[in-house]
Amino acid sequence: MRLTYQFNEAVIQIIETPNETDVEFDIRILAENKWAGMKEIQKKFEENSVLTDVLFYEYENHHYRVIARQDYYVDFVLELLKHRLLEKVEWN
């Protein structure tokens, strides 16, 4: 089964690129009212005890490069949903 998600392109832009052990996300937060949600997600993963679960690289204008280990992919996607950065998540 594969996890898929949908998002509002007026709120967020996501480009997902899988590789051997990780999934890389290029994320731009376009809606000002969602900026804090992305910061909360970043804080959650940076403050937990696993150092290499999800890595965040922050750029100007609310642009992020995020690298999620395969075993934390679902956790990261569900956090995006929890903070309403995604509209729908489902297993296919």
Protein backbone atom coordinates (compact mmCIF):
# COMPACT_ATOMS: atom_id res chain seq x y z
CA MET A 1 0.00 0.00 0.00
CA ARG A 2 1.09 3.50 -0.75
CA LEU A 3 0.30 6.68 1.16
CA THR A 4 -0.94 9.55 -0.99
CA TYR A 5 -1.93 13.08 -0.07
CA GLN A 6 -3.59 16.16 -1.51
CA PHE A 7 -2.92 19.81 -0.78
CA ASN A 8 -4.21 23.23 -1.76
CA GLU A 9 -1.64 24.78 -4.11
CA ALA A 10 -2.61 28.26 -2.89
CA VAL A 11 -1.46 27.23 0.61
CA ILE A 12 1.56 25.00 0.02
CA GLN A 13 3.68 23.64 -2.79
CA ILE A 14 5.30 20.22 -2.32
CA ILE A 15 7.66 18.33 -4.57
CA GLU A 16 8.49 14.87 -3.25
CA THR A 17 11.54 12.96 -4.44
CA PRO A 18 12.18 9.45 -3.08
CA ASN A 19 15.66 7.94 -3.03
CA GLU A 20 17.14 4.75 -1.60
CA THR A 21 16.79 5.41 2.12
CA ASP A 22 14.99 8.74 2.37
CA VAL A 23 12.32 10.91 0.85
CA GLU A 24 13.18 14.52 0.07
CA PHE A 25 10.55 17.23 0.09
CA ASP A 26 10.84 20.67 -1.44
CA ILE A 27 8.18 22.66 0.42
CA ARG A 28 7.05 26.27 0.06
CA ILE A 29 4.48 27.61 2.49
CA LEU A 30 2.48 30.24 0.63
CA ALA A 31 -0.27 31.03 3.16
CA GLU A 32 0.90 33.25 6.01
CA ASN A 33 -1.52 31.64 8.46
CA LYS A 34 0.28 28.27 7.92
CA TRP A 35 3.84 29.46 8.64
CA ALA A 36 3.58 28.68 12.36
CA GLY A 37 2.33 25.16 11.65
CA MET A 38 5.46 24.31 9.68
CA LYS A 39 7.60 25.69 12.50
CA GLU A 40 5.74 23.44 14.98
CA ILE A 41 6.43 20.41 12.80
CA GLN A 42 10.09 21.31 12.57
CA LYS A 43 10.28 21.79 16.34
CA LYS A 44 8.62 18.42 17.01
CA PHE A 45 11.15 16.48 14.96
CA GLU A 46 14.18 18.49 16.05
CA GLU A 47 13.38 18.07 19.76
CA ASN A 48 12.70 14.33 19.79
CA SER A 49 15.35 11.76 20.67
CA VAL A 50 15.96 10.52 17.09
CA LEU A 51 18.47 12.83 15.43
CA THR A 52 18.12 11.55 11.87
CA ASP A 53 14.38 10.96 11.54
CA VAL A 54 13.43 14.14 9.68
CA LEU A 55 15.97 16.84 8.80
CA PHE A 56 14.94 20.41 8.00
CA TYR A 57 16.84 22.93 5.90
CA GLU A 58 15.16 26.32 5.99
CA TYR A 59 15.60 28.91 3.26
CA GLU A 60 14.21 32.39 2.63
CA ASN A 61 10.53 33.06 2.05
CA HIS A 62 9.21 30.03 3.96
CA HIS A 63 10.94 27.55 1.70
CA TYR A 64 12.09 24.25 3.22
CA ARG A 65 14.00 21.22 2.09
CA VAL A 66 13.01 18.31 4.29
CA ILE A 67 14.63 14.88 4.29
CA ALA A 68 12.59 12.15 5.97
CA ARG A 69 13.89 8.66 6.56
CA GLN A 70 11.64 6.03 4.98
CA ASP A 71 10.58 4.77 8.43
CA TYR A 72 9.46 8.30 9.43
CA TYR A 73 7.75 9.21 6.15
CA VAL A 74 4.24 8.46 7.43
CA ASP A 75 4.89 10.35 10.68
CA PHE A 76 6.00 13.43 8.74
CA VAL A 77 3.05 13.34 6.33
CA LEU A 78 0.59 12.94 9.20
CA GLU A 79 2.14 15.95 10.96
CA LEU A 80 1.54 17.99 7.80
CA LEU A 81 -2.08 16.87 7.92
CA LYS A 82 -2.37 17.58 11.65
CA HIS A 83 -1.29 21.19 11.05
CA ARG A 84 -3.70 21.44 8.10
CA LEU A 85 -0.98 21.84 5.50
CA LEU A 86 -2.50 18.87 3.67
CA GLU A 87 -6.18 18.46 2.84
CA LYS A 88 -6.34 14.68 2.49
CA VAL A 89 -4.19 11.62 3.24
CA GLU A 90 -5.12 8.09 2.21
CA TRP A 91 -3.71 4.62 1.64
CA ASN A 92 -3.96 3.29 -1.93
